[in-house]
N, C-alpha and C. Protein backbone atom coordinates (compact mmCIF):
# COMPACT_ATOMS: atom_id res chain seq x y z
N UNK A 1 -2.10 -34.06 -45.35
CA UNK A 1 -1.80 -32.80 -44.72
C UNK A 1 -0.87 -33.06 -43.52
N UNK A 2 0.21 -32.29 -43.45
CA UNK A 2 1.17 -32.42 -42.36
C UNK A 2 0.66 -31.70 -41.12
N UNK A 3 0.85 -32.34 -40.00
CA UNK A 3 0.52 -31.67 -38.74
C UNK A 3 1.82 -31.14 -38.14
N UNK A 4 1.78 -29.91 -37.75
CA UNK A 4 2.96 -29.28 -37.19
C UNK A 4 2.89 -29.37 -35.68
N UNK A 5 3.97 -29.87 -35.08
CA UNK A 5 4.04 -29.96 -33.62
C UNK A 5 4.52 -28.62 -33.09
N UNK A 6 3.75 -28.01 -32.20
CA UNK A 6 4.16 -26.71 -31.67
C UNK A 6 5.45 -26.84 -30.87
N UNK A 7 6.28 -25.79 -30.86
CA UNK A 7 7.53 -25.85 -30.08
C UNK A 7 7.24 -25.98 -28.60
N UNK A 8 8.14 -26.67 -27.93
CA UNK A 8 7.99 -26.86 -26.49
C UNK A 8 8.35 -25.56 -25.77
N UNK A 9 7.79 -25.35 -24.59
CA UNK A 9 8.10 -24.11 -23.86
C UNK A 9 9.54 -24.11 -23.35
N UNK A 10 10.07 -22.91 -23.18
CA UNK A 10 11.42 -22.77 -22.63
C UNK A 10 11.41 -23.01 -21.13
N UNK A 11 10.40 -22.49 -20.48
CA UNK A 11 10.31 -22.61 -19.02
C UNK A 11 10.10 -24.07 -18.64
N UNK A 12 10.89 -24.53 -17.69
CA UNK A 12 10.79 -25.90 -17.22
C UNK A 12 9.72 -26.01 -16.14
N UNK A 13 9.13 -27.19 -16.03
CA UNK A 13 8.19 -27.43 -14.95
C UNK A 13 8.96 -27.47 -13.63
N UNK A 14 8.25 -27.28 -12.54
CA UNK A 14 8.90 -27.31 -11.22
C UNK A 14 9.52 -28.68 -10.96
N UNK A 15 8.83 -29.73 -11.39
CA UNK A 15 9.36 -31.08 -11.18
C UNK A 15 10.65 -31.27 -11.98
N UNK A 16 10.67 -30.79 -13.21
CA UNK A 16 11.87 -30.89 -14.05
C UNK A 16 13.02 -30.10 -13.41
N UNK A 17 12.72 -28.90 -12.93
CA UNK A 17 13.74 -28.09 -12.25
C UNK A 17 14.30 -28.83 -11.03
N UNK A 18 13.41 -29.43 -10.24
CA UNK A 18 13.86 -30.14 -9.04
C UNK A 18 14.78 -31.30 -9.38
N UNK A 19 14.48 -32.04 -10.43
CA UNK A 19 15.35 -33.14 -10.85
C UNK A 19 16.72 -32.61 -11.25
N UNK A 20 16.74 -31.52 -11.98
CA UNK A 20 18.02 -30.93 -12.40
C UNK A 20 18.82 -30.49 -11.17
N UNK A 21 18.17 -29.81 -10.25
CA UNK A 21 18.86 -29.35 -9.05
C UNK A 21 19.36 -30.52 -8.21
N UNK A 22 18.52 -31.54 -8.05
CA UNK A 22 18.90 -32.70 -7.24
C UNK A 22 20.09 -33.43 -7.86
N UNK A 23 20.00 -33.76 -9.12
CA UNK A 23 21.09 -34.50 -9.77
C UNK A 23 22.34 -33.64 -9.86
N UNK A 24 22.17 -32.35 -10.16
CA UNK A 24 23.33 -31.45 -10.20
C UNK A 24 24.01 -31.34 -8.85
N UNK A 25 23.21 -31.27 -7.79
CA UNK A 25 23.79 -31.18 -6.43
C UNK A 25 24.53 -32.46 -6.07
N UNK A 26 23.94 -33.61 -6.38
CA UNK A 26 24.62 -34.88 -6.09
C UNK A 26 25.92 -34.98 -6.88
N UNK A 27 25.86 -34.56 -8.14
CA UNK A 27 27.05 -34.61 -8.99
C UNK A 27 28.15 -33.70 -8.43
N UNK A 28 27.79 -32.47 -8.09
CA UNK A 28 28.78 -31.53 -7.56
C UNK A 28 29.33 -31.98 -6.21
N UNK A 29 28.44 -32.38 -5.30
CA UNK A 29 28.89 -32.76 -3.96
C UNK A 29 29.70 -34.04 -3.95
N UNK A 30 29.37 -34.98 -4.83
CA UNK A 30 30.17 -36.21 -4.89
C UNK A 30 31.56 -35.92 -5.47
N UNK A 31 31.62 -35.02 -6.45
CA UNK A 31 32.94 -34.62 -6.97
C UNK A 31 33.75 -33.89 -5.92
N UNK A 32 33.09 -33.01 -5.18
CA UNK A 32 33.76 -32.29 -4.10
C UNK A 32 34.20 -33.25 -3.00
N UNK A 33 33.35 -34.23 -2.69
CA UNK A 33 33.72 -35.24 -1.68
C UNK A 33 34.96 -36.01 -2.09
N UNK A 34 35.03 -36.38 -3.37
CA UNK A 34 36.22 -37.09 -3.84
C UNK A 34 37.45 -36.19 -3.75
N UNK A 35 37.31 -34.92 -4.17
CA UNK A 35 38.45 -34.00 -4.12
C UNK A 35 38.98 -33.86 -2.70
N UNK A 36 38.09 -33.72 -1.74
CA UNK A 36 38.51 -33.57 -0.34
C UNK A 36 39.19 -34.85 0.15
N UNK A 37 38.56 -35.99 -0.13
CA UNK A 37 39.14 -37.27 0.31
C UNK A 37 40.50 -37.51 -0.34
N UNK A 38 40.62 -37.20 -1.62
CA UNK A 38 41.85 -37.46 -2.36
C UNK A 38 42.98 -36.51 -1.95
N UNK A 39 42.66 -35.24 -1.77
CA UNK A 39 43.71 -34.25 -1.52
C UNK A 39 44.00 -33.98 -0.05
N UNK A 40 43.02 -34.20 0.83
CA UNK A 40 43.21 -33.81 2.23
C UNK A 40 43.12 -34.97 3.22
N UNK A 41 42.58 -36.09 2.80
CA UNK A 41 42.38 -37.19 3.74
C UNK A 41 43.30 -38.38 3.47
N UNK A 42 44.17 -38.26 2.49
CA UNK A 42 45.11 -39.35 2.21
C UNK A 42 46.09 -39.46 3.38
N UNK A 43 46.35 -40.69 3.78
CA UNK A 43 47.25 -40.93 4.92
C UNK A 43 48.59 -41.45 4.42
N UNK A 44 49.66 -41.06 5.08
CA UNK A 44 50.96 -41.60 4.67
C UNK A 44 51.01 -43.11 4.91
N UNK A 45 51.48 -43.82 3.90
CA UNK A 45 51.56 -45.26 4.00
C UNK A 45 52.97 -45.76 3.80
N UNK A 46 53.13 -47.06 3.76
CA UNK A 46 54.44 -47.69 3.62
C UNK A 46 55.07 -47.37 2.27
N UNK A 47 54.23 -47.23 1.22
CA UNK A 47 54.76 -47.00 -0.13
C UNK A 47 54.32 -45.64 -0.67
N UNK A 48 54.17 -44.66 0.19
CA UNK A 48 53.70 -43.34 -0.22
C UNK A 48 52.32 -43.09 0.37
N UNK A 49 51.67 -42.02 -0.07
CA UNK A 49 50.34 -41.70 0.45
C UNK A 49 49.33 -42.75 0.02
N UNK A 50 48.56 -43.22 0.98
CA UNK A 50 47.51 -44.21 0.72
C UNK A 50 46.19 -43.47 0.48
N UNK A 51 45.42 -43.96 -0.47
CA UNK A 51 44.13 -43.35 -0.76
C UNK A 51 43.19 -43.52 0.44
N UNK A 52 42.34 -42.53 0.61
CA UNK A 52 41.35 -42.61 1.68
C UNK A 52 40.31 -43.67 1.30
N UNK A 53 39.82 -44.45 2.24
CA UNK A 53 38.86 -45.51 1.92
C UNK A 53 37.55 -45.02 1.30
N UNK A 54 37.21 -43.74 1.47
CA UNK A 54 35.95 -43.24 0.92
C UNK A 54 36.06 -42.85 -0.56
N UNK A 55 37.28 -42.74 -1.09
CA UNK A 55 37.46 -42.31 -2.48
C UNK A 55 36.67 -43.15 -3.49
N UNK A 56 36.75 -44.49 -3.43
CA UNK A 56 35.99 -45.26 -4.43
C UNK A 56 34.49 -45.04 -4.32
N UNK A 57 33.98 -44.82 -3.11
CA UNK A 57 32.54 -44.59 -2.93
C UNK A 57 32.12 -43.24 -3.51
N UNK A 58 32.96 -42.24 -3.32
CA UNK A 58 32.66 -40.94 -3.93
C UNK A 58 32.64 -41.07 -5.45
N UNK A 59 33.61 -41.81 -5.99
CA UNK A 59 33.65 -41.97 -7.46
C UNK A 59 32.45 -42.75 -7.98
N UNK A 60 32.01 -43.76 -7.25
CA UNK A 60 30.83 -44.53 -7.67
C UNK A 60 29.60 -43.64 -7.69
N UNK A 61 29.43 -42.87 -6.63
CA UNK A 61 28.29 -41.95 -6.56
C UNK A 61 28.38 -40.91 -7.67
N UNK A 62 29.57 -40.41 -7.90
CA UNK A 62 29.78 -39.41 -8.95
C UNK A 62 29.46 -39.98 -10.33
N UNK A 63 29.88 -41.20 -10.59
CA UNK A 63 29.58 -41.85 -11.86
C UNK A 63 28.09 -42.08 -12.06
N UNK A 64 27.41 -42.50 -11.00
CA UNK A 64 25.95 -42.71 -11.09
C UNK A 64 25.25 -41.38 -11.33
N UNK A 65 25.67 -40.33 -10.64
CA UNK A 65 25.07 -39.01 -10.84
C UNK A 65 25.36 -38.49 -12.25
N UNK A 66 26.54 -38.81 -12.78
CA UNK A 66 26.88 -38.39 -14.14
C UNK A 66 25.94 -39.04 -15.17
N UNK A 67 25.58 -40.30 -14.94
CA UNK A 67 24.62 -40.95 -15.84
C UNK A 67 23.26 -40.26 -15.75
N UNK A 68 22.84 -39.92 -14.54
CA UNK A 68 21.59 -39.18 -14.37
C UNK A 68 21.66 -37.82 -15.03
N UNK A 69 22.82 -37.18 -14.93
CA UNK A 69 22.98 -35.87 -15.54
C UNK A 69 22.89 -35.94 -17.06
N UNK A 70 23.41 -37.01 -17.65
CA UNK A 70 23.29 -37.18 -19.09
C UNK A 70 21.82 -37.28 -19.51
N UNK A 71 21.02 -37.95 -18.69
CA UNK A 71 19.58 -38.02 -18.98
C UNK A 71 18.96 -36.64 -18.86
N UNK A 72 19.38 -35.86 -17.87
CA UNK A 72 18.85 -34.50 -17.69
C UNK A 72 19.18 -33.64 -18.90
N UNK A 73 20.42 -33.70 -19.36
CA UNK A 73 20.82 -32.92 -20.54
C UNK A 73 19.99 -33.35 -21.75
N UNK A 74 19.81 -34.64 -21.91
CA UNK A 74 18.99 -35.14 -23.01
C UNK A 74 17.56 -34.66 -22.93
N UNK A 75 17.03 -34.54 -21.71
CA UNK A 75 15.66 -34.06 -21.56
C UNK A 75 15.53 -32.57 -21.86
N UNK A 76 16.63 -31.84 -21.75
CA UNK A 76 16.60 -30.39 -22.03
C UNK A 76 16.74 -30.07 -23.51
N UNK A 77 17.36 -30.97 -24.28
CA UNK A 77 17.65 -30.67 -25.68
C UNK A 77 16.43 -30.35 -26.55
N UNK A 78 15.38 -31.18 -26.58
CA UNK A 78 14.30 -30.91 -27.53
C UNK A 78 13.45 -29.69 -27.17
N UNK A 79 13.31 -29.37 -25.91
CA UNK A 79 12.44 -28.27 -25.52
C UNK A 79 13.20 -27.03 -25.11
N UNK A 80 13.76 -27.08 -23.95
CA UNK A 80 14.40 -25.92 -23.33
C UNK A 80 15.52 -25.35 -24.21
N UNK A 81 16.45 -26.18 -24.61
CA UNK A 81 17.61 -25.70 -25.36
C UNK A 81 17.23 -25.30 -26.78
N UNK A 82 16.48 -26.15 -27.49
CA UNK A 82 16.12 -25.85 -28.89
C UNK A 82 15.24 -24.60 -28.97
N UNK A 83 14.25 -24.49 -28.09
CA UNK A 83 13.35 -23.34 -28.14
C UNK A 83 14.08 -22.05 -27.76
N UNK A 84 14.90 -22.10 -26.73
CA UNK A 84 15.64 -20.90 -26.31
C UNK A 84 16.63 -20.47 -27.39
N UNK A 85 17.26 -21.43 -28.04
CA UNK A 85 18.21 -21.10 -29.10
C UNK A 85 17.49 -20.44 -30.27
N UNK A 86 16.34 -20.98 -30.64
CA UNK A 86 15.57 -20.44 -31.76
C UNK A 86 15.10 -19.01 -31.46
N UNK A 87 14.72 -18.75 -30.21
CA UNK A 87 14.23 -17.42 -29.82
C UNK A 87 15.34 -16.50 -29.33
N UNK A 88 16.56 -17.01 -29.22
CA UNK A 88 17.72 -16.26 -28.74
C UNK A 88 17.49 -15.71 -27.33
N UNK A 89 16.91 -16.54 -26.48
CA UNK A 89 16.67 -16.15 -25.09
C UNK A 89 17.71 -16.82 -24.20
N UNK A 90 18.48 -16.00 -23.52
CA UNK A 90 19.50 -16.48 -22.57
C UNK A 90 20.45 -17.47 -23.23
N UNK A 91 20.68 -17.29 -24.52
CA UNK A 91 21.46 -18.27 -25.27
C UNK A 91 22.97 -18.16 -25.04
N UNK A 92 23.45 -17.01 -24.63
CA UNK A 92 24.91 -16.89 -24.39
C UNK A 92 25.33 -17.70 -23.17
N UNK A 93 24.62 -17.52 -22.07
CA UNK A 93 24.97 -18.29 -20.88
C UNK A 93 24.63 -19.77 -21.09
N UNK A 94 23.59 -20.04 -21.88
CA UNK A 94 23.26 -21.43 -22.20
C UNK A 94 24.36 -22.09 -23.04
N UNK A 95 24.90 -21.35 -23.98
CA UNK A 95 26.00 -21.87 -24.80
C UNK A 95 27.24 -22.11 -23.94
N UNK A 96 27.49 -21.20 -23.00
CA UNK A 96 28.59 -21.38 -22.06
C UNK A 96 28.40 -22.66 -21.25
N UNK A 97 27.17 -22.89 -20.79
CA UNK A 97 26.87 -24.11 -20.03
C UNK A 97 27.09 -25.36 -20.88
N UNK A 98 26.63 -25.32 -22.13
CA UNK A 98 26.83 -26.47 -23.02
C UNK A 98 28.31 -26.73 -23.28
N UNK A 99 29.09 -25.66 -23.41
CA UNK A 99 30.54 -25.82 -23.59
C UNK A 99 31.17 -26.48 -22.35
N UNK A 100 30.75 -26.04 -21.17
CA UNK A 100 31.27 -26.65 -19.94
C UNK A 100 30.87 -28.12 -19.85
N UNK A 101 29.63 -28.43 -20.21
CA UNK A 101 29.18 -29.82 -20.19
C UNK A 101 30.02 -30.66 -21.15
N UNK A 102 30.32 -30.10 -22.33
CA UNK A 102 31.15 -30.83 -23.29
C UNK A 102 32.55 -31.09 -22.72
N UNK A 103 33.13 -30.09 -22.07
CA UNK A 103 34.45 -30.27 -21.44
C UNK A 103 34.37 -31.33 -20.36
N UNK A 104 33.32 -31.30 -19.55
CA UNK A 104 33.16 -32.28 -18.49
C UNK A 104 32.98 -33.69 -19.05
N UNK A 105 32.22 -33.82 -20.11
CA UNK A 105 32.03 -35.14 -20.73
C UNK A 105 33.35 -35.68 -21.28
N UNK A 106 34.08 -34.82 -21.99
CA UNK A 106 35.35 -35.27 -22.58
C UNK A 106 36.39 -35.60 -21.52
N UNK A 107 36.50 -34.76 -20.50
CA UNK A 107 37.51 -35.03 -19.47
C UNK A 107 37.07 -36.21 -18.59
N UNK A 108 35.77 -36.35 -18.36
CA UNK A 108 35.29 -37.51 -17.61
C UNK A 108 35.60 -38.80 -18.35
N UNK A 109 35.38 -38.79 -19.66
CA UNK A 109 35.73 -39.95 -20.48
C UNK A 109 37.23 -40.19 -20.42
N UNK A 110 38.00 -39.12 -20.52
CA UNK A 110 39.46 -39.24 -20.46
C UNK A 110 39.94 -39.82 -19.14
N UNK A 111 39.33 -39.42 -18.05
CA UNK A 111 39.72 -39.95 -16.74
C UNK A 111 39.37 -41.43 -16.61
N UNK A 112 38.25 -41.80 -17.17
CA UNK A 112 37.79 -43.18 -16.99
C UNK A 112 38.42 -44.15 -17.98
N UNK A 113 38.59 -43.69 -19.22
CA UNK A 113 39.03 -44.62 -20.26
C UNK A 113 40.38 -44.31 -20.88
N UNK A 114 40.71 -43.05 -21.07
CA UNK A 114 41.85 -42.72 -21.92
C UNK A 114 43.06 -42.16 -21.19
N UNK A 115 42.92 -41.84 -19.91
CA UNK A 115 44.02 -41.19 -19.22
C UNK A 115 45.11 -42.16 -18.79
N UNK A 116 46.37 -41.78 -19.04
CA UNK A 116 47.48 -42.55 -18.51
C UNK A 116 48.03 -41.82 -17.29
N UNK A 117 49.05 -42.33 -16.69
CA UNK A 117 49.56 -41.76 -15.45
C UNK A 117 50.12 -40.34 -15.62
N UNK A 118 50.58 -40.00 -16.82
CA UNK A 118 51.12 -38.66 -17.04
C UNK A 118 50.02 -37.64 -17.34
N UNK A 119 48.99 -38.05 -18.08
CA UNK A 119 47.93 -37.10 -18.45
C UNK A 119 46.81 -37.02 -17.41
N UNK A 120 46.67 -38.02 -16.58
CA UNK A 120 45.57 -38.05 -15.61
C UNK A 120 45.53 -36.82 -14.70
N UNK A 121 46.64 -36.36 -14.12
CA UNK A 121 46.55 -35.16 -13.25
C UNK A 121 46.03 -33.93 -13.99
N UNK A 122 46.44 -33.75 -15.25
CA UNK A 122 45.99 -32.59 -16.01
C UNK A 122 44.51 -32.71 -16.38
N UNK A 123 44.11 -33.90 -16.79
CA UNK A 123 42.71 -34.11 -17.13
C UNK A 123 41.85 -33.91 -15.88
N UNK A 124 42.30 -34.40 -14.75
CA UNK A 124 41.57 -34.25 -13.49
C UNK A 124 41.44 -32.78 -13.11
N UNK A 125 42.52 -32.03 -13.24
CA UNK A 125 42.50 -30.61 -12.91
C UNK A 125 41.49 -29.86 -13.79
N UNK A 126 41.52 -30.12 -15.09
CA UNK A 126 40.57 -29.48 -16.00
C UNK A 126 39.15 -29.89 -15.65
N UNK A 127 38.96 -31.15 -15.30
CA UNK A 127 37.63 -31.67 -14.98
C UNK A 127 37.05 -30.99 -13.73
N UNK A 128 37.83 -30.89 -12.67
CA UNK A 128 37.25 -30.31 -11.47
C UNK A 128 37.11 -28.80 -11.56
N UNK A 129 37.96 -28.13 -12.34
CA UNK A 129 37.79 -26.69 -12.56
C UNK A 129 36.52 -26.45 -13.39
N UNK A 130 36.32 -27.25 -14.43
CA UNK A 130 35.11 -27.12 -15.25
C UNK A 130 33.86 -27.46 -14.44
N UNK A 131 33.95 -28.44 -13.56
CA UNK A 131 32.82 -28.80 -12.72
C UNK A 131 32.44 -27.68 -11.76
N UNK A 132 33.43 -27.04 -11.18
CA UNK A 132 33.17 -25.92 -10.29
C UNK A 132 32.58 -24.75 -11.07
N UNK A 133 33.14 -24.49 -12.25
CA UNK A 133 32.61 -23.42 -13.11
C UNK A 133 31.19 -23.73 -13.55
N UNK A 134 30.89 -25.01 -13.80
CA UNK A 134 29.54 -25.39 -14.23
C UNK A 134 28.53 -25.16 -13.12
N UNK A 135 28.91 -25.44 -11.87
CA UNK A 135 27.99 -25.21 -10.75
C UNK A 135 27.68 -23.72 -10.63
N UNK A 136 28.72 -22.89 -10.72
CA UNK A 136 28.50 -21.44 -10.67
C UNK A 136 27.78 -20.97 -11.93
N UNK A 137 28.14 -21.53 -13.07
CA UNK A 137 27.51 -21.14 -14.34
C UNK A 137 26.04 -21.49 -14.39
N UNK A 138 25.65 -22.62 -13.81
CA UNK A 138 24.23 -22.99 -13.77
C UNK A 138 23.45 -21.98 -12.95
N UNK A 139 24.00 -21.61 -11.81
CA UNK A 139 23.34 -20.60 -10.98
C UNK A 139 23.19 -19.29 -11.77
N UNK A 140 24.25 -18.86 -12.46
CA UNK A 140 24.22 -17.63 -13.25
C UNK A 140 23.20 -17.73 -14.39
N UNK A 141 23.18 -18.86 -15.08
CA UNK A 141 22.23 -19.08 -16.18
C UNK A 141 20.79 -18.97 -15.69
N UNK A 142 20.50 -19.57 -14.57
CA UNK A 142 19.15 -19.52 -13.99
C UNK A 142 18.82 -18.09 -13.58
N UNK A 143 19.74 -17.42 -12.92
CA UNK A 143 19.51 -16.05 -12.47
C UNK A 143 19.26 -15.12 -13.65
N UNK A 144 20.08 -15.22 -14.70
CA UNK A 144 19.89 -14.37 -15.88
C UNK A 144 18.54 -14.65 -16.54
N UNK A 145 18.19 -15.91 -16.67
CA UNK A 145 16.91 -16.27 -17.30
C UNK A 145 15.73 -15.75 -16.51
N UNK A 146 15.76 -15.90 -15.20
CA UNK A 146 14.64 -15.42 -14.37
C UNK A 146 14.61 -13.90 -14.33
N UNK A 147 15.77 -13.26 -14.34
CA UNK A 147 15.81 -11.80 -14.35
C UNK A 147 15.19 -11.25 -15.62
N UNK A 148 15.55 -11.84 -16.76
CA UNK A 148 14.99 -11.38 -18.03
C UNK A 148 13.50 -11.65 -18.10
N UNK A 149 13.07 -12.79 -17.59
CA UNK A 149 11.63 -13.10 -17.58
C UNK A 149 10.88 -12.13 -16.69
N UNK A 150 11.44 -11.80 -15.54
CA UNK A 150 10.78 -10.84 -14.63
C UNK A 150 10.73 -9.45 -15.25
N UNK A 151 11.78 -9.05 -15.96
CA UNK A 151 11.77 -7.75 -16.63
C UNK A 151 10.70 -7.71 -17.71
N UNK A 152 10.56 -8.81 -18.45
CA UNK A 152 9.55 -8.88 -19.50
C UNK A 152 8.15 -8.81 -18.90
N UNK A 153 7.93 -9.52 -17.80
CA UNK A 153 6.62 -9.49 -17.14
C UNK A 153 6.31 -8.10 -16.59
N UNK A 154 7.32 -7.39 -16.12
CA UNK A 154 7.11 -6.05 -15.59
C UNK A 154 6.67 -5.10 -16.70
N UNK A 155 7.24 -5.24 -17.90
CA UNK A 155 6.87 -4.41 -19.03
C UNK A 155 5.45 -4.74 -19.49
N UNK A 156 5.12 -6.03 -19.53
CA UNK A 156 3.79 -6.44 -19.98
C UNK A 156 2.73 -6.00 -18.99
N UNK A 157 3.02 -6.06 -17.69
CA UNK A 157 2.05 -5.71 -16.66
C UNK A 157 1.96 -4.20 -16.41
N UNK A 158 2.78 -3.43 -17.09
CA UNK A 158 2.80 -1.99 -16.87
C UNK A 158 1.42 -1.41 -17.14
N UNK A 159 0.91 -0.59 -16.24
CA UNK A 159 -0.43 -0.04 -16.45
C UNK A 159 -0.46 0.88 -17.67
N UNK A 160 -1.58 0.88 -18.32
CA UNK A 160 -1.76 1.70 -19.52
C UNK A 160 -2.09 3.12 -19.10
N UNK A 161 -1.29 4.06 -19.56
CA UNK A 161 -1.54 5.47 -19.24
C UNK A 161 -2.51 6.05 -20.28
N UNK A 162 -3.36 6.91 -19.84
CA UNK A 162 -4.29 7.52 -20.80
C UNK A 162 -3.55 8.44 -21.76
N UNK A 163 -4.08 8.54 -22.98
CA UNK A 163 -3.46 9.41 -23.98
C UNK A 163 -3.97 10.84 -23.77
N UNK A 164 -3.69 11.69 -24.74
CA UNK A 164 -4.05 13.10 -24.63
C UNK A 164 -5.56 13.28 -24.49
N UNK A 165 -6.34 12.38 -25.08
CA UNK A 165 -7.80 12.49 -24.99
C UNK A 165 -8.31 11.98 -23.66
N UNK A 166 -7.43 11.30 -22.89
CA UNK A 166 -7.83 10.83 -21.57
C UNK A 166 -8.39 9.42 -21.55
N UNK A 167 -8.29 8.69 -22.64
CA UNK A 167 -8.86 7.34 -22.64
C UNK A 167 -7.76 6.31 -22.70
N UNK A 168 -7.76 5.45 -21.73
CA UNK A 168 -6.78 4.35 -21.68
C UNK A 168 -7.09 3.32 -22.76
N UNK A 169 -8.34 3.19 -23.13
CA UNK A 169 -8.73 2.22 -24.15
C UNK A 169 -8.07 2.53 -25.49
N UNK A 170 -7.96 3.82 -25.83
CA UNK A 170 -7.33 4.20 -27.09
C UNK A 170 -5.86 3.81 -27.10
N UNK A 171 -5.20 3.95 -25.96
CA UNK A 171 -3.79 3.56 -25.84
C UNK A 171 -3.66 2.04 -25.99
N UNK A 172 -4.56 1.29 -25.36
CA UNK A 172 -4.52 -0.17 -25.45
C UNK A 172 -4.70 -0.63 -26.89
N UNK A 173 -5.61 -0.02 -27.62
CA UNK A 173 -5.84 -0.37 -29.03
C UNK A 173 -4.60 -0.05 -29.85
N UNK A 174 -4.00 1.12 -29.60
CA UNK A 174 -2.80 1.49 -30.34
C UNK A 174 -1.64 0.56 -30.02
N UNK A 175 -1.50 0.16 -28.77
CA UNK A 175 -0.45 -0.77 -28.38
C UNK A 175 -0.65 -2.11 -29.07
N UNK A 176 -1.87 -2.55 -29.16
CA UNK A 176 -2.18 -3.83 -29.78
C UNK A 176 -1.86 -3.78 -31.28
N UNK A 177 -2.14 -2.65 -31.93
CA UNK A 177 -1.86 -2.51 -33.35
C UNK A 177 -0.35 -2.50 -33.62
N UNK A 178 0.42 -1.88 -32.72
CA UNK A 178 1.86 -1.78 -32.95
C UNK A 178 2.59 -3.08 -32.69
N UNK A 179 2.00 -4.01 -31.97
CA UNK A 179 2.69 -5.28 -31.71
C UNK A 179 2.37 -6.35 -32.68
């Protein structure tokens, strides 16, 4: 006899949420730190603009956070993403987030391994625009999910009004039969 494993819940534990927020914040802030150092803190040098000394450190931190983020995405796949997709809950903004993550993975790979001097500026531009959109998109995805969950809880918690006979119990029984 086969045992069926019940689907994992969509809602993440508080600890899981905290890890996502922490790693996402480090990833975003390290990318932003590199952007600021690269674009605004470069000093004129003998052979053109010299890179700011903090740039390699921002990139190291960003790369380490990206590895952590890959683990976070992997931890979301079997439960949160699969269950939400099956139930069609908040799946549009979730699909948008997955698309942004795919763009970030591809452009990150391109910057590290495949970019030449002509394509690197374009890949970098796409990467940081997608990263900024992902930070805003994550906030939107969370807000939409919590808003829908709160709306559902408000409907479920709605007090039962008595029917024409004046009994709330009859309404509760009828509600139970219709669901």
